[in-house]
Amino acid sequence: MRLDKLLTSAGLTRAQAKRAVAAGRVTVGGVPARDAGAHVDGASVLLDGRPVSPPGEIYWMLNKPAGVLTAVRDGREATAFALLPEAVRRQIPSPVGRLDKDVTGLLIFTTHGELLHRLISPKYAVKKVYIARVEGTPDEADAQRLTAGVAFAGFTSRPARLEVLGEGLVRLTVTEGRYHEVKRLLAAVGHPVLALSREAMGGVRLDETLGAGESRPLTGAEIDALFRAARLERN
């Protein structure tokens, strides 16, 4: 964890944290801190001689509505981060992956850096499941093309699983997470996306009782599912 983030979890603003470091009020491992952005995982941190302990990790689920950015801060537009409870925002959790402004559904936030990295890294092939309203209705040939991988400029997509749920309604499971991946894949097989929502990620499904913009902490079972999907041991 960064030193400034640890200090803000203790109640300081970021500006106050930087001033405290500059004033020599903060020590890391017994040595006066010089860089508010330094990582201090496992080190003893004192502010005015009092220990500052890291908070518990945050694992949080948000039902992202349309019209908000997947960002912690934006000077002009509303963000998904701002929809979280104030006590959660103070821990500054990061979104796990990005949903476009018009995309709705499951958005997970966490302070666990390695888990976040693995969940979004193509190396770990974590499944992300989307429900899409599309133009027309895909057929078996479209599904096979997505399974085989679609050639784009500079890369070929990994296999994606397409399920037709009804007329113009599909479920698509991907494991890569490239920019606009779902929209690009479905457009490539002739079925542009009209509306898109993320249903699940890493074995965690969106809680259907959450209204748009509502959120809740993940359960222990859901957190365990994420760690399994990321092939990471939970301490």
Foldseek 3Di string as FASTA:
>chain_A
DFQLLLVLLVPDDSVVLVVQLVVQQKDWQNHRDDDRGDDRPPTFMGGNRHTRDGDDKFKKKAFAAAQAWQDLDDPPGHHLVVLDDPNVVSSPWHWLATDDNQETEIIITIPPVLLSCLQQALVLQKKWKKKFQWPFFDDPVLQVDQQVFDDDVPDTFHRKGWDTPDTRIIMIIGRHRDDCVVQVSCVRSPIGTPYMYTADILPDGTDPVADHSDMDTDDPVRVVSSCVSSVHDDD
